[in-house]
Amino acid sequence: MFLTKLIIRLLIPNWKNTESPAVRERYGKVSGLVGVVTNLLLAILKLVTGLIFNSIAIMADAANNFSDSASSVVTLIGFKLSGKPADAEHPFGHARIEYISGMIVSFIVVMLGFQLAQSSVEKIITPEEASFTWVTVTILIVSILAKLWQGLFYRKMGKTISSTTLMATATDSINDVVATSAVLLGILITLFTDVNLDGWLGLAVAVFIMISGVRLIMETSQPLLGTAPSKELVDSVYTKILSYDGIIGLHDLEVHSYGEGRVFASVHCEVDAQQDIMVSHDIIDNIERDFLQDLDIHLVIHLDPIQIHDPRTKKLYHQIKSLLPTLSPEYSMHDFRVVWGTTHTNLIFDVVVPFGQKESDREIAHQIQQAVSKELGDKFFTVVTIDHSCL
């Protein structure tokens, strides 16, 4: 990967500072520029070869490289636009444009595959003789090696700046290695056996391209739809918040990404109800400021005061908390309160259940009430709010 490192160091000033939006944008632009140049050269080389030797498979591969070059232009423009600062119409910035450019690349791949499939079917129905030489073989081997380097280059750049667009482009380049290898295999078969598989190989390449395009669409659409935060991010948030004195617990963490480096989150933090509200507010302010400074996360915290000094409430809290895992090990509880009465006592709390649970919220609440009545007696009524989470 000497060439990749050389490109990075020559074309990306301050290349180590990948947290900088300007440096990240530069990585994207350089990746797009490299893609435009290399794909265009490969496309021209293959197109000339395909025309000379009358091969639909090689021309299909050339068209694939032309689409890759167009995709690189989209990537280049996408990184340029995603680096625009926030404005009145887009207060969260423009970073999600990178995801949109990745989806455009994916659709280009699918459309190209469909067009190549049509041409290949025509070649199968009305076959034309294709002639190959060892020059053809050499050109395709060079193309395979170039595409392999290109895929590794994109993957390196994509991992460095955590870019879904570049990782999708890397996958597309590796897929091209497989497609061109299939064409090369067919040519070798033709050279040694005189069996013409040109149209069939063109169709195989086209189908392969379409399948890859559909997969890329699915991958690049996920950030736009909104995905759950990674376990590593959730663990780091929990660990950091709980490290502050005065924070008893936390729950209802929600993370929204508006593109790389544009992360917004909200969370409920539990504090001692008897602690001075100004002290609790100061703790929350410090946490929010530190998250923006240390992790570049715009965090908003909701304060949840809880009773921790009343022995009766503490006892009931621990009893309910130990009871929930008997219903499901995935259940957790927060916001526990007790309203004491003469004939009955209300236990008010939220229960977090995972998405995809078979039982309805009403059924889960009923199961909890039955378990509490069995454990504590009929004088305790539960008022349960069901929260859903994938965490």
Protein backbone atom coordinates (compact mmCIF):
# COMPACT_ATOMS: atom_id res chain seq x y z
CA MET A 1 0.00 0.00 0.00
CA PHE A 2 3.00 2.28 -0.56
CA LEU A 3 1.21 4.10 -3.41
CA THR A 4 -1.86 4.74 -1.23
CA LYS A 5 0.26 6.22 1.57
CA LEU A 6 2.14 8.35 -0.96
CA ILE A 7 -1.13 9.74 -2.40
CA ILE A 8 -2.44 10.54 1.07
CA ARG A 9 0.70 12.34 2.18
CA LEU A 10 1.14 14.27 -1.06
CA LEU A 11 -2.45 15.35 -1.65
CA ILE A 12 -3.95 15.65 1.85
CA PRO A 13 -2.45 18.37 4.07
CA ASN A 14 -2.61 17.55 7.79
CA TRP A 15 -3.69 14.00 6.80
CA LYS A 16 -3.47 12.63 10.34
CA ASN A 17 -6.18 14.93 11.68
CA THR A 18 -9.15 12.90 10.35
CA GLU A 19 -11.46 14.43 12.97
CA SER A 20 -11.28 17.73 11.07
CA PRO A 21 -14.23 18.18 8.64
CA ALA A 22 -11.89 19.90 6.16
CA VAL A 23 -9.41 17.00 6.22
CA ARG A 24 -12.24 14.47 5.92
CA GLU A 25 -13.64 16.33 2.92
CA ARG A 26 -10.17 16.31 1.37
CA TYR A 27 -9.96 12.51 1.78
CA GLY A 28 -13.25 12.18 -0.07
CA LYS A 29 -12.23 14.50 -2.87
CA VAL A 30 -8.89 12.75 -3.40
CA SER A 31 -10.65 9.36 -3.44
CA GLY A 32 -13.14 10.62 -6.03
CA LEU A 33 -10.40 12.12 -8.20
CA VAL A 34 -8.33 8.91 -8.13
CA GLY A 35 -11.45 6.96 -9.06
CA VAL A 36 -12.29 9.22 -12.00
CA VAL A 37 -8.78 8.98 -13.50
CA THR A 38 -8.14 5.25 -12.99
CA ASN A 39 -11.61 4.12 -14.07
CA LEU A 40 -11.58 6.33 -17.14
CA LEU A 41 -8.20 4.95 -18.25
CA LEU A 42 -9.36 1.35 -17.72
CA ALA A 43 -12.64 2.01 -19.54
CA ILE A 44 -10.90 3.47 -22.61
CA LEU A 45 -8.39 0.60 -22.67
CA LYS A 46 -11.12 -2.05 -22.48
CA LEU A 47 -13.43 -0.29 -24.93
CA VAL A 48 -10.72 -0.17 -27.59
CA THR A 49 -9.87 -3.82 -26.92
CA GLY A 50 -13.54 -4.87 -27.05
CA LEU A 51 -14.11 -3.06 -30.34
CA ILE A 52 -10.96 -4.49 -31.94
CA PHE A 53 -11.77 -8.08 -30.91
CA ASN A 54 -15.58 -7.74 -31.19
CA SER A 55 -16.21 -8.87 -27.59
CA ILE A 56 -19.45 -7.93 -25.81
CA ALA A 57 -18.03 -9.23 -22.53
CA ILE A 58 -15.02 -6.90 -22.66
CA MET A 59 -17.17 -3.97 -23.78
CA ALA A 60 -19.55 -4.74 -20.89
CA ASP A 61 -16.59 -4.59 -18.55
CA ALA A 62 -15.54 -1.29 -20.17
CA ALA A 63 -19.02 0.14 -19.65
CA ASN A 64 -18.78 -0.94 -16.03
CA ASN A 65 -15.58 1.08 -15.68
CA PHE A 66 -17.23 4.09 -17.34
CA SER A 67 -20.03 3.87 -14.75
CA ASP A 68 -17.43 3.62 -12.00
CA SER A 69 -15.83 6.80 -13.33
CA ALA A 70 -19.23 8.54 -13.28
CA SER A 71 -19.77 7.21 -9.76
CA SER A 72 -16.46 8.71 -8.70
CA VAL A 73 -17.62 12.08 -10.05
CA VAL A 74 -20.76 11.73 -7.90
CA THR A 75 -18.58 10.86 -4.90
CA LEU A 76 -16.40 13.90 -5.57
CA ILE A 77 -19.42 16.21 -5.74
CA GLY A 78 -21.02 14.52 -2.73
CA PHE A 79 -18.03 15.15 -0.47
CA LYS A 80 -17.82 18.74 -1.72
CA LEU A 81 -21.48 19.44 -0.89
CA SER A 82 -21.46 17.50 2.40
CA GLY A 83 -18.71 19.79 3.67
CA LYS A 84 -20.97 22.87 3.46
CA PRO A 85 -21.67 24.40 6.89
CA ALA A 86 -25.10 24.51 8.49
CA ASP A 87 -27.49 27.23 7.35
CA ALA A 88 -31.02 28.44 8.11
CA GLU A 89 -32.63 25.79 5.90
CA HIS A 90 -30.36 22.96 7.04
CA PRO A 91 -29.53 23.66 10.71
CA PHE A 92 -27.94 20.22 11.14
CA GLY A 93 -25.54 20.70 8.23
CA HIS A 94 -25.25 18.95 4.87
CA ALA A 95 -23.24 15.85 5.84
CA ARG A 96 -26.04 13.45 4.85
CA ILE A 97 -25.44 14.39 1.21
CA GLU A 98 -22.60 11.87 1.40
CA TYR A 99 -25.19 9.12 1.98
CA ILE A 100 -27.29 10.38 -0.93
CA SER A 101 -24.27 10.33 -3.25
CA GLY A 102 -23.60 6.75 -2.19
CA MET A 103 -27.18 5.80 -3.13
CA ILE A 104 -26.85 7.54 -6.51
CA VAL A 105 -23.73 5.47 -7.17
CA SER A 106 -25.70 2.33 -6.31
CA PHE A 107 -28.54 3.17 -8.73
CA ILE A 108 -26.04 3.89 -11.51
CA VAL A 109 -24.56 0.42 -10.98
CA VAL A 110 -28.00 -1.26 -11.22
CA MET A 111 -29.04 0.63 -14.37
CA LEU A 112 -25.76 -0.17 -16.07
CA GLY A 113 -26.12 -3.85 -15.23
CA PHE A 114 -29.62 -3.90 -16.76
CA GLN A 115 -28.42 -2.30 -20.00
CA LEU A 116 -25.52 -4.75 -20.25
CA ALA A 117 -27.88 -7.66 -19.70
CA GLN A 118 -29.99 -6.52 -22.68
CA SER A 119 -26.91 -6.29 -24.93
CA SER A 120 -25.65 -9.69 -23.81
CA VAL A 121 -28.99 -11.40 -24.47
CA GLU A 122 -28.97 -9.95 -28.00
CA LYS A 123 -25.44 -11.35 -28.45
CA ILE A 124 -26.60 -14.79 -27.25
CA ILE A 125 -29.60 -14.77 -29.62
CA THR A 126 -27.56 -13.56 -32.59
CA PRO A 127 -23.96 -14.59 -31.78
CA GLU A 128 -21.05 -12.96 -33.53
CA GLU A 129 -17.60 -14.47 -33.72
CA ALA A 130 -15.16 -12.93 -31.26
CA SER A 131 -11.41 -13.21 -31.69
CA PHE A 132 -9.02 -13.11 -28.76
CA THR A 133 -5.26 -13.01 -28.42
CA TRP A 134 -2.79 -13.06 -25.56
CA VAL A 135 -2.78 -9.27 -25.82
CA THR A 136 -6.40 -9.36 -24.65
CA VAL A 137 -5.45 -11.63 -21.76
CA THR A 138 -2.62 -9.29 -20.72
CA ILE A 139 -4.90 -6.23 -20.79
CA LEU A 140 -7.47 -7.97 -18.58
CA ILE A 141 -4.81 -9.11 -16.10
CA VAL A 142 -3.57 -5.52 -15.83
CA SER A 143 -7.17 -4.41 -15.30
CA ILE A 144 -7.71 -6.98 -12.52
CA LEU A 145 -4.58 -5.85 -10.70
CA ALA A 146 -5.55 -2.17 -11.10
CA LYS A 147 -9.06 -2.82 -9.77
CA LEU A 148 -7.71 -4.82 -6.85
CA TRP A 149 -5.45 -1.92 -5.87
CA GLN A 150 -8.35 0.48 -6.34
CA GLY A 151 -10.59 -1.56 -4.02
CA LEU A 152 -7.90 -1.67 -1.33
CA PHE A 153 -7.30 2.07 -1.80
CA TYR A 154 -10.99 2.90 -1.32
CA ARG A 155 -11.23 0.58 1.67
CA LYS A 156 -8.22 2.23 3.31
CA MET A 157 -9.64 5.70 2.71
CA GLY A 158 -13.13 4.65 3.80
CA LYS A 159 -11.94 3.11 7.06
CA THR A 160 -9.74 6.11 7.80
CA ILE A 161 -12.66 8.56 7.70
CA SER A 162 -15.50 6.06 8.43
CA SER A 163 -17.24 6.73 5.11
CA THR A 164 -20.10 4.46 3.99
CA THR A 165 -19.84 5.90 0.47
CA LEU A 166 -16.17 4.97 0.09
CA MET A 167 -16.72 1.54 1.64
CA ALA A 168 -19.53 0.94 -0.88
CA THR A 169 -17.22 2.06 -3.68
CA ALA A 170 -14.53 -0.30 -2.37
CA THR A 171 -17.01 -3.18 -2.52
CA ASP A 172 -17.91 -2.22 -6.09
CA SER A 173 -14.23 -2.25 -7.09
CA ILE A 174 -13.67 -5.71 -5.58
CA ASN A 175 -16.79 -6.91 -7.40
CA ASP A 176 -15.23 -5.64 -10.63
CA VAL A 177 -12.20 -7.86 -9.93
CA VAL A 178 -14.52 -10.87 -9.84
CA ALA A 179 -16.40 -9.76 -12.97
CA THR A 180 -13.23 -9.14 -15.00
CA SER A 181 -11.79 -12.45 -13.79
CA ALA A 182 -14.90 -14.20 -15.16
CA VAL A 183 -14.37 -12.51 -18.53
CA LEU A 184 -10.70 -13.54 -18.49
CA LEU A 185 -11.64 -17.14 -17.71
CA GLY A 186 -14.06 -17.18 -20.65
CA ILE A 187 -11.41 -15.82 -22.99
CA LEU A 188 -8.94 -18.48 -21.88
CA ILE A 189 -11.59 -21.15 -22.51
CA THR A 190 -12.16 -19.70 -26.00
CA LEU A 191 -8.43 -19.61 -26.73
CA PHE A 192 -7.92 -23.25 -25.75
CA THR A 193 -11.24 -24.84 -26.86
CA ASP A 194 -12.76 -22.51 -29.52
CA VAL A 195 -16.00 -22.49 -27.49
CA ASN A 196 -17.46 -18.95 -27.69
CA LEU A 197 -18.91 -17.95 -24.29
CA ASP A 198 -18.77 -14.21 -24.97
CA GLY A 199 -22.51 -13.46 -24.78
CA TRP A 200 -23.06 -15.71 -21.78
CA LEU A 201 -20.13 -14.16 -19.91
CA GLY A 202 -21.45 -10.69 -20.70
CA LEU A 203 -24.81 -11.72 -19.21
CA ALA A 204 -23.10 -13.20 -16.14
CA VAL A 205 -21.17 -9.96 -15.61
CA ALA A 206 -24.37 -7.93 -16.02
CA VAL A 207 -26.28 -10.03 -13.48
CA PHE A 208 -23.36 -9.79 -11.07
CA ILE A 209 -23.33 -6.00 -11.46
CA MET A 210 -27.09 -5.73 -10.82
CA ILE A 211 -26.92 -7.89 -7.70
CA SER A 212 -24.02 -5.81 -6.39
CA GLY A 213 -25.97 -2.62 -7.13
CA VAL A 214 -29.03 -3.81 -5.20
CA ARG A 215 -26.85 -4.73 -2.23
CA LEU A 216 -25.20 -1.32 -2.34
CA ILE A 217 -28.61 0.38 -2.39
CA MET A 218 -29.61 -1.54 0.73
CA GLU A 219 -26.34 -0.66 2.49
CA THR A 220 -26.31 3.04 1.60
CA SER A 221 -29.99 3.54 2.43
CA GLN A 222 -29.57 2.40 6.03
CA PRO A 223 -28.00 5.65 7.36
CA LEU A 224 -30.74 7.67 5.66
CA LEU A 225 -33.46 5.55 7.25
CA GLY A 226 -31.78 5.89 10.64
CA THR A 227 -29.88 3.05 12.28
CA ALA A 228 -29.25 2.13 15.88
CA PRO A 229 -25.96 3.40 17.34
CA SER A 230 -23.12 0.91 17.59
CA LYS A 231 -22.60 -1.01 20.83
CA GLU A 232 -19.18 0.64 21.17
CA LEU A 233 -20.73 4.12 21.05
CA VAL A 234 -23.50 3.21 23.52
CA ASP A 235 -20.98 1.66 25.94
CA SER A 236 -18.72 4.72 25.72
CA VAL A 237 -21.66 7.07 26.43
CA TYR A 238 -22.82 5.03 29.42
CA THR A 239 -19.30 4.72 30.83
CA LYS A 240 -18.54 8.43 30.46
CA ILE A 241 -21.81 9.68 31.97
CA LEU A 242 -21.69 7.27 34.92
CA SER A 243 -18.16 8.47 35.71
CA TYR A 244 -19.56 11.80 36.95
CA ASP A 245 -20.29 12.11 40.68
CA GLY A 246 -23.99 12.61 41.31
CA ILE A 247 -25.25 10.52 38.38
CA ILE A 248 -27.05 7.44 39.71
CA GLY A 249 -28.18 5.93 36.41
CA LEU A 250 -29.29 6.71 32.89
CA HIS A 251 -31.79 5.48 30.34
CA ASP A 252 -33.67 6.35 27.14
CA LEU A 253 -30.49 7.08 25.18
CA GLU A 254 -31.28 8.14 21.61
CA VAL A 255 -28.62 8.89 19.02
CA HIS A 256 -29.26 10.58 15.66
CA SER A 257 -26.60 10.91 12.99
CA TYR A 258 -26.77 13.66 10.37
CA GLY A 259 -23.57 12.43 8.74
CA GLU A 260 -20.06 11.81 9.94
CA GLY A 261 -19.15 14.31 12.64
CA ARG A 262 -22.77 15.46 13.08
CA VAL A 263 -24.09 13.35 15.96
CA PHE A 264 -26.94 14.48 18.20
CA ALA A 265 -28.06 12.53 21.26
CA SER A 266 -30.48 12.77 24.17
CA VAL A 267 -30.56 10.80 27.41
CA HIS A 268 -32.32 10.73 30.78
CA CYS A 269 -29.99 10.93 33.78
CA GLU A 270 -31.09 9.93 37.29
CA VAL A 271 -30.00 12.10 40.23
CA ASP A 272 -30.79 12.22 43.93
CA ALA A 273 -34.16 13.94 44.40
CA GLN A 274 -32.91 15.56 47.62
CA GLN A 275 -29.85 17.07 45.99
CA ASP A 276 -29.92 20.83 45.39
CA ILE A 277 -31.37 21.39 41.90
CA MET A 278 -28.61 23.90 41.10
CA VAL A 279 -25.98 21.26 41.86
CA SER A 280 -27.73 18.69 39.64
CA HIS A 281 -28.09 21.26 36.87
CA ASP A 282 -24.40 22.10 37.08
CA ILE A 283 -23.48 18.41 36.72
CA ILE A 284 -25.69 18.10 33.64
CA ASP A 285 -24.19 21.24 32.10
CA ASN A 286 -20.68 19.87 32.59
CA ILE A 287 -21.57 16.54 30.98
CA GLU A 288 -23.15 18.18 27.92
CA ARG A 289 -20.16 20.49 27.44
CA ASP A 290 -17.64 17.65 27.87
CA PHE A 291 -19.42 15.43 25.34
CA LEU A 292 -19.30 18.14 22.70
CA GLN A 293 -15.65 18.87 23.43
CA ASP A 294 -14.37 15.30 23.86
CA LEU A 295 -16.61 13.22 21.56
CA ASP A 296 -18.08 15.87 19.23
CA ILE A 297 -21.59 14.74 20.28
CA HIS A 298 -24.33 17.33 20.78
CA LEU A 299 -25.92 15.88 23.91
CA VAL A 300 -29.15 17.00 25.60
CA ILE A 301 -29.90 15.57 29.05
CA HIS A 302 -33.27 15.25 30.77
CA LEU A 303 -33.03 15.27 34.56
CA ASP A 304 -34.85 12.48 36.45
CA PRO A 305 -34.87 12.96 40.25
CA ILE A 306 -35.31 9.69 42.15
CA GLN A 307 -35.76 8.86 45.82
CA ILE A 308 -32.75 6.99 47.17
CA HIS A 309 -33.02 7.73 50.90
CA ASP A 310 -36.47 6.31 51.68
CA PRO A 311 -35.82 2.70 52.85
CA ARG A 312 -39.31 1.48 51.88
CA THR A 313 -39.01 2.86 48.34
CA LYS A 314 -35.48 1.45 47.97
CA LYS A 315 -36.67 -1.99 49.05
CA LEU A 316 -39.55 -1.99 46.55
CA TYR A 317 -37.24 -0.73 43.80
CA HIS A 318 -34.81 -3.63 44.28
CA GLN A 319 -37.66 -6.14 44.52
CA ILE A 320 -39.16 -5.03 41.19
CA LYS A 321 -35.75 -4.79 39.57
CA SER A 322 -34.93 -8.39 40.54
CA LEU A 323 -38.40 -9.55 39.49
CA LEU A 324 -38.26 -8.33 35.85
CA PRO A 325 -35.46 -10.70 34.69
CA THR A 326 -37.68 -13.64 35.68
CA LEU A 327 -40.10 -12.50 32.96
CA SER A 328 -37.36 -11.76 30.42
CA PRO A 329 -33.60 -11.22 30.83
CA GLU A 330 -33.89 -8.40 28.25
CA TYR A 331 -36.25 -6.26 30.35
CA SER A 332 -34.89 -3.27 32.27
CA MET A 333 -36.55 -0.62 34.44
CA HIS A 334 -36.20 3.10 35.14
CA ASP A 335 -38.11 6.09 36.55
CA PHE A 336 -39.34 4.16 39.58
CA ARG A 337 -41.74 6.01 41.92
CA VAL A 338 -44.12 5.00 44.67
CA VAL A 339 -47.44 6.58 45.59
CA TRP A 340 -48.40 5.29 49.01
CA GLY A 341 -52.08 4.84 49.90
CA THR A 342 -54.25 3.44 52.70
CA THR A 343 -55.93 0.66 50.69
CA HIS A 344 -53.37 0.19 47.94
CA THR A 345 -49.97 1.44 46.75
CA ASN A 346 -49.13 2.41 43.15
CA LEU A 347 -45.76 1.42 41.75
CA ILE A 348 -45.03 3.68 38.79
CA PHE A 349 -42.14 2.85 36.46
CA ASP A 350 -41.02 2.40 32.85
CA VAL A 351 -39.93 -0.94 31.43
CA VAL A 352 -37.67 -1.16 28.38
CA VAL A 353 -38.35 -4.12 26.08
CA PRO A 354 -36.57 -4.97 22.81
CA PHE A 355 -38.14 -4.43 19.41
CA GLY A 356 -39.71 -7.55 17.92
CA GLN A 357 -41.23 -8.76 21.19
CA LYS A 358 -44.09 -11.20 20.50
CA GLU A 359 -46.33 -9.92 23.29
CA SER A 360 -48.15 -6.61 22.99
CA ASP A 361 -47.42 -3.76 25.43
CA ARG A 362 -50.71 -4.48 27.18
CA GLU A 363 -49.83 -8.17 27.60
CA ILE A 364 -46.39 -7.32 28.99
CA ALA A 365 -47.89 -4.86 31.50
CA HIS A 366 -50.41 -7.53 32.56
CA GLN A 367 -47.64 -10.10 33.06
CA ILE A 368 -45.72 -7.62 35.23
CA GLN A 369 -48.84 -6.92 37.35
CA GLN A 370 -49.42 -10.64 37.88
CA ALA A 371 -45.80 -11.19 38.90
CA VAL A 372 -45.90 -8.24 41.32
CA SER A 373 -49.19 -9.40 42.88
CA LYS A 374 -47.75 -12.87 43.36
CA GLU A 375 -44.52 -11.53 44.88
CA LEU A 376 -45.75 -8.55 46.95
CA GLY A 377 -49.51 -9.05 47.34
CA ASP A 378 -52.70 -7.61 45.85
CA LYS A 379 -52.29 -4.23 47.54
CA PHE A 380 -49.58 -3.21 45.08
CA PHE A 381 -50.77 -1.93 41.71
CA THR A 382 -48.37 -1.33 38.83
CA VAL A 383 -48.60 1.64 36.48
CA VAL A 384 -46.20 0.62 33.74
CA THR A 385 -45.06 2.52 30.66
CA ILE A 386 -43.51 0.26 28.03
CA ASP A 387 -40.50 1.66 26.15
CA HIS A 388 -39.04 -0.06 23.10
CA SER A 389 -35.36 -0.11 22.36
CA CYS A 390 -32.88 -2.01 20.19
CA LEU A 391 -30.08 -1.35 22.70
